[in-house]
Amino acid sequence: MSNLLRRLSITFLGALTCVCGFSSLTLAQEGDADLAKKLSNPVANLISLPFQANYDHGYGSEDGSKFYVNVQPVMPVSLNEDWNLISRTILPVVYQNDINGNSGTDTGIGDTVQSLFLSPTEPGPGGLVWGAGPVFLLPTASESSLGLDQWGAGPTAVGLFMKDAWTVGVLSNHIWGTDDGSAASATNATFLQPFINYTTPDAWTFALNTESTYDWNAEKWSVPVNGIVSKLVDVGGQKVSLGAGVRYWVDGPDAGPDGWGARFILTFLFPK
């Protein structure tokens, strides 16, 4: 556990260093609760820089463990008065041990998932907020054990409703990969993330979601259920969301992970 806390400290200190590059941005005056609710919307017109730290264990015969930080910049671009294009990137930085039996330790970056959503600037009928576009799997892993070594692409979409303090919706994608590289077979996977969030007037957010993946080749589900509590705060004029929670693996492949895991989130917000 001490090693985990040390790695979390290093991650958060690195995050504080990285965010200095955004210091020239001017923050708009916006209510903290409104900003916290925007974080619950994957296609909100809000620049943000989340660092999502995750810990899981139970991999393989040696009860292997994985600690990884997903760097997830979100960048909206206004195309015109009716449409936005939202870029969402996930780049994992990974430390793992004995993932495949007595396989030792691997450290580096994993494969990148890049999503682009075309989304209306105003909600649709009934307050529906939605976005759709392509998703890409990029073979950026620094070690073969940290990625699939193949290119991939497919569709992605999100739909949600925001009513008072509640945000309810689902994000999904499907990626087909090439049959090149070191992976045993081409990627053919569906990702589903239903979510429900409640945000209080003093900018606390209580979130429940799953991040389920179905591997069509192996015919296996991976289903972690996440419960996260976060708070939006002001640090020297910089809006920051701090979050922590747990997850439980309801289902997964035989090689793990299983049982309980943990998640910590540090998000820098840059309102327009």
C-alpha atoms as a PDB file:
ATOM      1  CA  MET A   1       0.000   0.000   0.000  1.00  0.00           C
ATOM      2  CA  SER A   2       2.902   2.359   0.746  1.00  0.00           C
ATOM      3  CA  ASN A   3       4.185   1.861  -2.802  1.00  0.00           C
ATOM      4  CA  LEU A   4       0.715   2.676  -4.140  1.00  0.00           C
ATOM      5  CA  LEU A   5       0.505   5.878  -2.099  1.00  0.00           C
ATOM      6  CA  ARG A   6       3.987   6.884  -3.218  1.00  0.00           C
ATOM      7  CA  ARG A   7       3.061   6.397  -6.886  1.00  0.00           C
ATOM      8  CA  LEU A   8      -0.160   8.409  -6.356  1.00  0.00           C
ATOM      9  CA  SER A   9       1.859  11.254  -4.852  1.00  0.00           C
ATOM     10  CA  ILE A  10       4.248  11.258  -7.787  1.00  0.00           C
ATOM     11  CA  THR A  11       1.297  11.213 -10.213  1.00  0.00           C
ATOM     12  CA  PHE A  12      -0.468  14.164  -8.595  1.00  0.00           C
ATOM     13  CA  LEU A  13       2.746  16.186  -8.368  1.00  0.00           C
ATOM     14  CA  GLY A  14       3.319  15.539 -12.056  1.00  0.00           C
ATOM     15  CA  ALA A  15      -0.224  16.693 -12.750  1.00  0.00           C
ATOM     16  CA  LEU A  16       0.396  19.960 -10.951  1.00  0.00           C
ATOM     17  CA  THR A  17       3.503  20.494 -13.067  1.00  0.00           C
ATOM     18  CA  CYS A  18       1.716  19.711 -16.330  1.00  0.00           C
ATOM     19  CA  VAL A  19      -1.130  22.090 -15.628  1.00  0.00           C
ATOM     20  CA  CYS A  20       1.248  25.053 -15.427  1.00  0.00           C
ATOM     21  CA  GLY A  21       1.227  25.064 -19.225  1.00  0.00           C
ATOM     22  CA  PHE A  22      -2.380  26.209 -19.100  1.00  0.00           C
ATOM     23  CA  SER A  23      -1.769  29.125 -16.736  1.00  0.00           C
ATOM     24  CA  SER A  24      -2.292  31.710 -19.454  1.00  0.00           C
ATOM     25  CA  LEU A  25      -5.959  30.759 -19.799  1.00  0.00           C
ATOM     26  CA  THR A  26      -8.462  33.146 -18.181  1.00  0.00           C
ATOM     27  CA  LEU A  27     -11.114  31.482 -16.058  1.00  0.00           C
ATOM     28  CA  ALA A  28     -14.700  32.551 -16.611  1.00  0.00           C
ATOM     29  CA  GLN A  29     -16.823  33.341 -13.599  1.00  0.00           C
ATOM     30  CA  GLU A  30     -19.130  30.344 -13.376  1.00  0.00           C
ATOM     31  CA  GLY A  31     -20.834  28.662 -10.437  1.00  0.00           C
ATOM     32  CA  ASP A  32     -18.969  25.705  -8.984  1.00  0.00           C
ATOM     33  CA  ALA A  33     -22.065  23.506  -9.042  1.00  0.00           C
ATOM     34  CA  ASP A  34     -22.616  24.294 -12.736  1.00  0.00           C
ATOM     35  CA  LEU A  35     -18.994  23.433 -13.520  1.00  0.00           C
ATOM     36  CA  ALA A  36     -19.249  20.206 -11.529  1.00  0.00           C
ATOM     37  CA  LYS A  37     -22.349  19.245 -13.523  1.00  0.00           C
ATOM     38  CA  LYS A  38     -20.490  19.923 -16.768  1.00  0.00           C
ATOM     39  CA  LEU A  39     -17.887  17.361 -15.732  1.00  0.00           C
ATOM     40  CA  SER A  40     -20.700  14.798 -15.692  1.00  0.00           C
ATOM     41  CA  ASN A  41     -21.358  15.542 -19.383  1.00  0.00           C
ATOM     42  CA  PRO A  42     -18.795  13.892 -21.710  1.00  0.00           C
ATOM     43  CA  VAL A  43     -19.620  16.365 -24.512  1.00  0.00           C
ATOM     44  CA  ALA A  44     -19.812  19.561 -22.449  1.00  0.00           C
ATOM     45  CA  ASN A  45     -18.310  22.710 -23.933  1.00  0.00           C
ATOM     46  CA  LEU A  46     -15.570  22.709 -21.290  1.00  0.00           C
ATOM     47  CA  ILE A  47     -11.799  22.271 -21.531  1.00  0.00           C
ATOM     48  CA  SER A  48     -10.612  19.863 -18.846  1.00  0.00           C
ATOM     49  CA  LEU A  49      -7.523  17.848 -17.994  1.00  0.00           C
ATOM     50  CA  PRO A  50      -8.309  14.781 -15.846  1.00  0.00           C
ATOM     51  CA  PHE A  51      -5.685  12.481 -14.338  1.00  0.00           C
ATOM     52  CA  GLN A  52      -7.469   9.268 -13.377  1.00  0.00           C
ATOM     53  CA  ALA A  53      -5.406   6.919 -11.163  1.00  0.00           C
ATOM     54  CA  ASN A  54      -6.584   3.293 -10.908  1.00  0.00           C
ATOM     55  CA  TYR A  55      -5.472   0.256  -8.924  1.00  0.00           C
ATOM     56  CA  ASP A  56      -6.609  -3.339  -9.577  1.00  0.00           C
ATOM     57  CA  HIS A  57      -5.349  -6.748  -8.533  1.00  0.00           C
ATOM     58  CA  GLY A  58      -6.139 -10.450  -8.940  1.00  0.00           C
ATOM     59  CA  TYR A  59      -4.506 -10.932 -12.334  1.00  0.00           C
ATOM     60  CA  GLY A  60      -3.434 -14.472 -13.247  1.00  0.00           C
ATOM     61  CA  SER A  61      -2.006 -17.253 -11.114  1.00  0.00           C
ATOM     62  CA  GLU A  62       0.273 -14.910  -9.110  1.00  0.00           C
ATOM     63  CA  ASP A  63      -2.469 -12.455  -8.071  1.00  0.00           C
ATOM     64  CA  GLY A  64      -0.802  -9.755 -10.167  1.00  0.00           C
ATOM     65  CA  SER A  65      -1.577  -6.062  -9.782  1.00  0.00           C
ATOM     66  CA  LYS A  66      -1.814  -3.014 -12.031  1.00  0.00           C
ATOM     67  CA  PHE A  67      -1.568   0.694 -11.239  1.00  0.00           C
ATOM     68  CA  TYR A  68      -2.261   3.049 -14.128  1.00  0.00           C
ATOM     69  CA  VAL A  69      -2.984   6.729 -14.635  1.00  0.00           C
ATOM     70  CA  ASN A  70      -5.253   7.664 -17.525  1.00  0.00           C
ATOM     71  CA  VAL A  71      -4.344  11.117 -18.846  1.00  0.00           C
ATOM     72  CA  GLN A  72      -7.619  12.270 -20.420  1.00  0.00           C
ATOM     73  CA  PRO A  73      -7.583  15.760 -21.980  1.00  0.00           C
ATOM     74  CA  VAL A  74     -10.954  16.976 -23.248  1.00  0.00           C
ATOM     75  CA  MET A  75     -10.912  19.745 -25.862  1.00  0.00           C
ATOM     76  CA  PRO A  76     -14.107  21.162 -27.405  1.00  0.00           C
ATOM     77  CA  VAL A  77     -13.923  23.108 -30.677  1.00  0.00           C
ATOM     78  CA  SER A  78     -16.765  25.355 -31.827  1.00  0.00           C
ATOM     79  CA  LEU A  79     -17.522  24.623 -35.501  1.00  0.00           C
ATOM     80  CA  ASN A  80     -20.376  27.131 -35.755  1.00  0.00           C
ATOM     81  CA  GLU A  81     -23.264  28.393 -33.628  1.00  0.00           C
ATOM     82  CA  ASP A  82     -25.026  25.026 -33.883  1.00  0.00           C
ATOM     83  CA  TRP A  83     -22.288  22.388 -33.589  1.00  0.00           C
ATOM     84  CA  ASN A  84     -19.256  21.549 -31.447  1.00  0.00           C
ATOM     85  CA  LEU A  85     -16.541  18.974 -32.025  1.00  0.00           C
ATOM     86  CA  ILE A  86     -15.277  17.427 -28.786  1.00  0.00           C
ATOM     87  CA  SER A  87     -11.960  15.598 -28.661  1.00  0.00           C
ATOM     88  CA  ARG A  88     -11.555  13.078 -25.813  1.00  0.00           C
ATOM     89  CA  THR A  89      -8.195  11.308 -25.449  1.00  0.00           C
ATOM     90  CA  ILE A  90      -7.222   8.476 -23.083  1.00  0.00           C
ATOM     91  CA  LEU A  91      -3.495   7.805 -22.698  1.00  0.00           C
ATOM     92  CA  PRO A  92      -2.610   5.316 -19.913  1.00  0.00           C
ATOM     93  CA  VAL A  93       0.658   5.414 -17.977  1.00  0.00           C
ATOM     94  CA  VAL A  94       1.067   1.936 -16.492  1.00  0.00           C
ATOM     95  CA  TYR A  95       2.915   0.110 -13.728  1.00  0.00           C
ATOM     96  CA  GLN A  96       2.065  -3.595 -13.551  1.00  0.00           C
ATOM     97  CA  ASN A  97       3.451  -6.650 -11.788  1.00  0.00           C
ATOM     98  CA  ASP A  98       2.964 -10.379 -12.546  1.00  0.00           C
ATOM     99  CA  ILE A  99       0.000  -9.756 -14.834  1.00  0.00           C
ATOM    100  CA  ASN A 100       0.583 -13.027 -16.695  1.00  0.00           C
ATOM    101  CA  GLY A 101       1.829 -15.460 -14.074  1.00  0.00           C
ATOM    102  CA  ASN A 102       5.370 -14.777 -12.889  1.00  0.00           C
ATOM    103  CA  SER A 103       5.908 -12.205 -15.648  1.00  0.00           C
ATOM    104  CA  GLY A 104       7.682  -9.540 -13.580  1.00  0.00           C
ATOM    105  CA  THR A 105       7.238  -5.783 -13.674  1.00  0.00           C
ATOM    106  CA  ASP A 106       6.457  -3.580 -16.677  1.00  0.00           C
ATOM    107  CA  THR A 107       6.299   0.226 -16.701  1.00  0.00           C
ATOM    108  CA  GLY A 108       5.464   2.582 -19.553  1.00  0.00           C
ATOM    109  CA  ILE A 109       2.601   3.962 -21.614  1.00  0.00           C
ATOM    110  CA  GLY A 110      -0.229   1.940 -23.101  1.00  0.00           C
ATOM    111  CA  ASP A 111      -2.331   2.246 -26.217  1.00  0.00           C
ATOM    112  CA  THR A 112      -4.197   5.508 -26.820  1.00  0.00           C
ATOM    113  CA  VAL A 113      -7.950   5.683 -27.418  1.00  0.00           C
ATOM    114  CA  GLN A 114      -8.951   8.844 -29.297  1.00  0.00           C
ATOM    115  CA  SER A 115     -12.647   9.776 -29.610  1.00  0.00           C
ATOM    116  CA  LEU A 116     -14.233  12.610 -31.584  1.00  0.00           C
ATOM    117  CA  PHE A 117     -17.850  13.636 -30.935  1.00  0.00           C
ATOM    118  CA  LEU A 118     -19.932  15.918 -33.145  1.00  0.00           C
ATOM    119  CA  SER A 119     -22.500  17.412 -30.772  1.00  0.00           C
ATOM    120  CA  PRO A 120     -25.221  20.092 -31.033  1.00  0.00           C
ATOM    121  CA  THR A 121     -24.595  23.214 -28.973  1.00  0.00           C
ATOM    122  CA  GLU A 122     -28.167  23.112 -27.617  1.00  0.00           C
ATOM    123  CA  PRO A 123     -30.064  20.173 -26.069  1.00  0.00           C
ATOM    124  CA  GLY A 124     -32.566  18.326 -28.238  1.00  0.00           C
ATOM    125  CA  PRO A 125     -36.161  17.236 -27.568  1.00  0.00           C
ATOM    126  CA  GLY A 126     -36.803  16.507 -23.916  1.00  0.00           C
ATOM    127  CA  GLY A 127     -33.419  17.924 -22.968  1.00  0.00           C
ATOM    128  CA  LEU A 128     -31.446  15.199 -24.753  1.00  0.00           C
ATOM    129  CA  VAL A 129     -27.710  15.905 -25.000  1.00  0.00           C
ATOM    130  CA  TRP A 130     -25.888  13.726 -27.493  1.00  0.00           C
ATOM    131  CA  GLY A 131     -22.753  13.340 -29.551  1.00  0.00           C
ATOM    132  CA  ALA A 132     -21.451  10.841 -32.092  1.00  0.00           C
ATOM    133  CA  GLY A 133     -18.388  10.262 -34.211  1.00  0.00           C
ATOM    134  CA  PRO A 134     -15.376   7.979 -34.696  1.00  0.00           C
ATOM    135  CA  VAL A 135     -13.096   6.340 -32.145  1.00  0.00           C
ATOM    136  CA  PHE A 136      -9.525   5.242 -32.878  1.00  0.00           C
ATOM    137  CA  LEU A 137      -7.183   2.759 -31.206  1.00  0.00           C
ATOM    138  CA  LEU A 138      -3.583   3.955 -31.589  1.00  0.00           C
ATOM    139  CA  PRO A 139      -0.688   1.516 -30.901  1.00  0.00           C
ATOM    140  CA  THR A 140       1.340   3.861 -28.696  1.00  0.00           C
ATOM    141  CA  ALA A 141       2.362   1.250 -26.073  1.00  0.00           C
ATOM    142  CA  SER A 142       6.031   1.455 -25.092  1.00  0.00           C
ATOM    143  CA  GLU A 143       6.156  -2.305 -24.355  1.00  0.00           C
ATOM    144  CA  SER A 144       4.357  -5.177 -26.082  1.00  0.00           C
ATOM    145  CA  SER A 145       2.954  -6.282 -22.707  1.00  0.00           C
ATOM    146  CA  LEU A 146       1.253  -2.882 -22.262  1.00  0.00           C
ATOM    147  CA  GLY A 147      -0.719  -2.782 -25.510  1.00  0.00           C
ATOM    148  CA  LEU A 148      -2.176  -4.671 -28.461  1.00  0.00           C
ATOM    149  CA  ASP A 149       0.296  -3.506 -31.143  1.00  0.00           C
ATOM    150  CA  GLN A 150      -2.480  -2.897 -33.649  1.00  0.00           C
ATOM    151  CA  TRP A 151      -4.489  -0.059 -35.144  1.00  0.00           C
ATOM    152  CA  GLY A 152      -8.236   0.061 -34.659  1.00  0.00           C
ATOM    153  CA  ALA A 153     -11.285   2.200 -35.360  1.00  0.00           C
ATOM    154  CA  GLY A 154     -15.047   2.243 -35.036  1.00  0.00           C
ATOM    155  CA  PRO A 155     -18.062   4.357 -34.008  1.00  0.00           C
ATOM    156  CA  THR A 156     -18.711   6.046 -30.672  1.00  0.00           C
ATOM    157  CA  ALA A 157     -21.764   7.815 -29.270  1.00  0.00           C
ATOM    158  CA  VAL A 158     -23.079   9.322 -26.055  1.00  0.00           C
ATOM    159  CA  GLY A 159     -26.559  10.314 -24.960  1.00  0.00           C
ATOM    160  CA  LEU A 160     -27.685  11.815 -21.656  1.00  0.00           C
ATOM    161  CA  PHE A 161     -30.327  13.838 -19.858  1.00  0.00           C
ATOM    162  CA  MET A 162     -29.594  16.536 -17.265  1.00  0.00           C
ATOM    163  CA  LYS A 163     -32.457  17.380 -14.895  1.00  0.00           C
ATOM    164  CA  ASP A 164     -31.863  19.577 -11.851  1.00  0.00           C
ATOM    165  CA  ALA A 165     -29.063  17.887  -9.884  1.00  0.00           C
ATOM    166  CA  TRP A 166     -29.169  14.631 -11.875  1.00  0.00           C
ATOM    167  CA  THR A 167     -27.238  13.515 -14.949  1.00  0.00           C
ATOM    168  CA  VAL A 168     -28.151  10.145 -16.466  1.00  0.00           C
ATOM    169  CA  GLY A 169     -26.810   8.672 -19.680  1.00  0.00           C
ATOM    170  CA  VAL A 170     -24.657   6.150 -21.500  1.00  0.00           C
ATOM    171  CA  LEU A 171     -21.431   6.341 -23.498  1.00  0.00           C
ATOM    172  CA  SER A 172     -20.481   3.549 -25.889  1.00  0.00           C
ATOM    173  CA  ASN A 173     -18.087   2.584 -28.634  1.00  0.00           C
ATOM    174  CA  HIS A 174     -17.049  -0.388 -30.717  1.00  0.00           C
ATOM    175  CA  ILE A 175     -13.516  -0.931 -31.988  1.00  0.00           C
ATOM    176  CA  TRP A 176     -12.429  -3.265 -34.758  1.00  0.00           C
ATOM    177  CA  GLY A 177      -8.670  -3.746 -34.938  1.00  0.00           C
ATOM    178  CA  THR A 178      -6.309  -4.939 -37.642  1.00  0.00           C
ATOM    179  CA  ASP A 179      -4.873  -8.456 -37.516  1.00  0.00           C
ATOM    180  CA  ASP A 180      -1.307  -7.120 -37.623  1.00  0.00           C
ATOM    181  CA  GLY A 181       1.054  -6.822 -34.667  1.00  0.00           C
ATOM    182  CA  SER A 182       1.714  -9.104 -31.727  1.00  0.00           C
ATOM    183  CA  ALA A 183      -1.875  -9.518 -30.495  1.00  0.00           C
ATOM    184  CA  ALA A 184      -3.304 -13.020 -30.884  1.00  0.00           C
ATOM    185  CA  SER A 185      -6.275 -11.732 -32.892  1.00  0.00           C
ATOM    186  CA  ALA A 186      -7.736  -8.524 -34.234  1.00  0.00           C
ATOM    187  CA  THR A 187      -9.592  -6.432 -31.633  1.00  0.00           C
ATOM    188  CA  ASN A 188     -13.368  -6.760 -31.761  1.00  0.00           C
ATOM    189  CA  ALA A 189     -14.727  -5.150 -28.596  1.00  0.00           C
ATOM    190  CA  THR A 190     -17.796  -3.204 -27.447  1.00  0.00           C
ATOM    191  CA  PHE A 191     -17.537  -0.692 -24.602  1.00  0.00           C
ATOM    192  CA  LEU A 192     -20.616   0.410 -22.620  1.00  0.00           C
ATOM    193  CA  GLN A 193     -20.608   3.017 -19.843  1.00  0.00           C
ATOM    194  CA  PRO A 194     -24.036   3.747 -18.342  1.00  0.00           C
ATOM    195  CA  PHE A 195     -23.766   6.412 -15.653  1.00  0.00           C
ATOM    196  CA  ILE A 196     -25.826   8.303 -13.085  1.00  0.00           C
ATOM    197  CA  ASN A 197     -24.488  11.367 -11.257  1.00  0.00           C
ATOM    198  CA  TYR A 198     -25.937  13.621  -8.572  1.00  0.00           C
ATOM    199  CA  THR A 199     -24.411  17.081  -7.963  1.00  0.00           C
ATOM    200  CA  THR A 200     -25.192  19.117  -4.841  1.00  0.00           C
ATOM    201  CA  PRO A 201     -25.448  22.940  -4.696  1.00  0.00           C
ATOM    202  CA  ASP A 202     -22.035  23.070  -2.980  1.00  0.00           C
ATOM    203  CA  ALA A 203     -20.374  21.173  -5.873  1.00  0.00           C
ATOM    204  CA  TRP A 204     -20.147  17.656  -4.452  1.00  0.00           C
ATOM    205  CA  THR A 205     -20.805  14.959  -7.070  1.00  0.00           C
ATOM    206  CA  PHE A 206     -21.809  11.363  -6.327  1.00  0.00           C
ATOM    207  CA  ALA A 207     -21.302   9.113  -9.346  1.00  0.00           C
ATOM    208  CA  LEU A 208     -22.139   5.497 -10.117  1.00  0.00           C
ATOM    209  CA  ASN A 209     -21.211   3.807 -13.391  1.00  0.00           C
ATOM    210  CA  THR A 210     -19.970   0.678 -15.050  1.00  0.00           C
ATOM    211  CA  GLU A 211     -17.214   0.571 -17.684  1.00  0.00           C
ATOM    212  CA  SER A 212     -18.138  -2.732 -19.296  1.00  0.00           C
ATOM    213  CA  THR A 213     -16.337  -4.284 -22.256  1.00  0.00           C
ATOM    214  CA  TYR A 214     -17.475  -7.287 -24.284  1.00  0.00           C
ATOM    215  CA  ASP A 215     -14.732  -9.131 -26.167  1.00  0.00           C
ATOM    216  CA  TRP A 216     -16.433 -10.726 -29.158  1.00  0.00           C
ATOM    217  CA  ASN A 217     -13.434 -12.944 -29.888  1.00  0.00           C
ATOM    218  CA  ALA A 218     -13.239 -14.450 -26.386  1.00  0.00           C
ATOM    219  CA  GLU A 219     -17.001 -14.058 -25.797  1.00  0.00           C
ATOM    220  CA  LYS A 220     -16.240 -12.595 -22.370  1.00  0.00           C
ATOM    221  CA  TRP A 221     -17.522  -9.596 -20.400  1.00  0.00           C
ATOM    222  CA  SER A 222     -15.404  -7.366 -18.163  1.00  0.00           C
ATOM    223  CA  VAL A 223     -17.735  -5.483 -15.800  1.00  0.00           C
ATOM    224  CA  PRO A 224     -16.341  -3.171 -13.123  1.00  0.00           C
ATOM    225  CA  VAL A 225     -18.852  -1.090 -11.132  1.00  0.00           C
ATOM    226  CA  ASN A 226     -17.444   2.240  -9.917  1.00  0.00           C
ATOM    227  CA  GLY A 227     -18.655   4.470  -7.096  1.00  0.00           C
ATOM    228  CA  ILE A 228     -16.944   7.887  -6.968  1.00  0.00           C
ATOM    229  CA  VAL A 229     -17.334  10.968  -4.764  1.00  0.00           C
ATOM    230  CA  SER A 230     -15.767  14.241  -5.970  1.00  0.00           C
ATOM    231  CA  LYS A 231     -15.625  17.884  -4.919  1.00  0.00           C
ATOM    232  CA  LEU A 232     -14.937  20.977  -6.998  1.00  0.00           C
ATOM    233  CA  VAL A 233     -12.610  23.410  -5.235  1.00  0.00           C
ATOM    234  CA  ASP A 234     -10.692  26.585  -6.028  1.00  0.00           C
ATOM    235  CA  VAL A 235      -6.905  26.438  -5.593  1.00  0.00           C
ATOM    236  CA  GLY A 236      -5.339  29.848  -6.096  1.00  0.00           C
ATOM    237  CA  GLY A 237      -7.886  30.768  -8.734  1.00  0.00           C
ATOM    238  CA  GLN A 238      -7.608  27.406 -10.517  1.00  0.00           C
ATOM    239  CA  LYS A 239     -10.759  25.265 -10.566  1.00  0.00           C
ATOM    240  CA  VAL A 240      -9.904  21.689  -9.577  1.00  0.00           C
ATOM    241  CA  SER A 241     -12.068  18.614  -9.020  1.00  0.00           C
ATOM    242  CA  LEU A 242     -10.780  16.040  -6.519  1.00  0.00           C
ATOM    243  CA  GLY A 243     -12.380  12.601  -6.488  1.00  0.00           C
ATOM    244  CA  ALA A 244     -11.915   9.164  -4.945  1.00  0.00           C
ATOM    245  CA  GLY A 245     -13.827   5.924  -4.850  1.00  0.00           C
ATOM    246  CA  VAL A 246     -13.894   2.177  -5.192  1.00  0.00           C
ATOM    247  CA  ARG A 247     -14.829  -0.344  -7.809  1.00  0.00           C
ATOM    248  CA  TYR A 248     -15.891  -3.979  -7.751  1.00  0.00           C
ATOM    249  CA  TRP A 249     -15.354  -6.426 -10.593  1.00  0.00           C
ATOM    250  CA  VAL A 250     -18.727  -8.110 -11.081  1.00  0.00           C
ATOM    251  CA  ASP A 251     -17.449 -10.144 -14.022  1.00  0.00           C
ATOM    252  CA  GLY A 252     -14.224 -10.543 -15.945  1.00  0.00           C
ATOM    253  CA  PRO A 253     -11.935 -12.958 -17.787  1.00  0.00           C
ATOM    254  CA  ASP A 254     -10.405 -15.862 -15.853  1.00  0.00           C
ATOM    255  CA  ALA A 255      -7.016 -14.117 -15.717  1.00  0.00           C
ATOM    256  CA  GLY A 256      -8.485 -11.214 -13.706  1.00  0.00           C
ATOM    257  CA  PRO A 257      -8.669  -8.596 -12.386  1.00  0.00           C
ATOM    258  CA  ASP A 258     -11.177  -9.419  -9.683  1.00  0.00           C
ATOM    259  CA  GLY A 259     -12.439  -8.232  -6.325  1.00  0.00           C
ATOM    260  CA  TRP A 260     -12.074  -4.620  -5.205  1.00  0.00           C
ATOM    261  CA  GLY A 261     -10.085  -1.814  -6.797  1.00  0.00           C
ATOM    262  CA  ALA A 262      -9.585   1.895  -6.192  1.00  0.00           C
ATOM    263  CA  ARG A 263      -9.777   5.102  -8.213  1.00  0.00           C
ATOM    264  CA  PHE A 264      -8.493   8.631  -7.561  1.00  0.00           C
ATOM    265  CA  ILE A 265      -9.210  11.545  -9.912  1.00  0.00           C
ATOM    266  CA  LEU A 266      -7.583  14.956 -10.209  1.00  0.00           C
ATOM    267  CA  THR A 267      -9.181  17.204 -12.853  1.00  0.00           C
ATOM    268  CA  PHE A 268      -8.162  20.725 -13.861  1.00  0.00           C
ATOM    269  CA  LEU A 269     -10.957  22.815 -15.414  1.00  0.00           C
ATOM    270  CA  PHE A 270     -10.561  25.676 -17.860  1.00  0.00           C
ATOM    271  CA  PRO A 271     -13.964  27.331 -18.394  1.00  0.00           C
ATOM    272  CA  LYS A 272     -14.230  29.433 -21.531  1.00  0.00           C
END
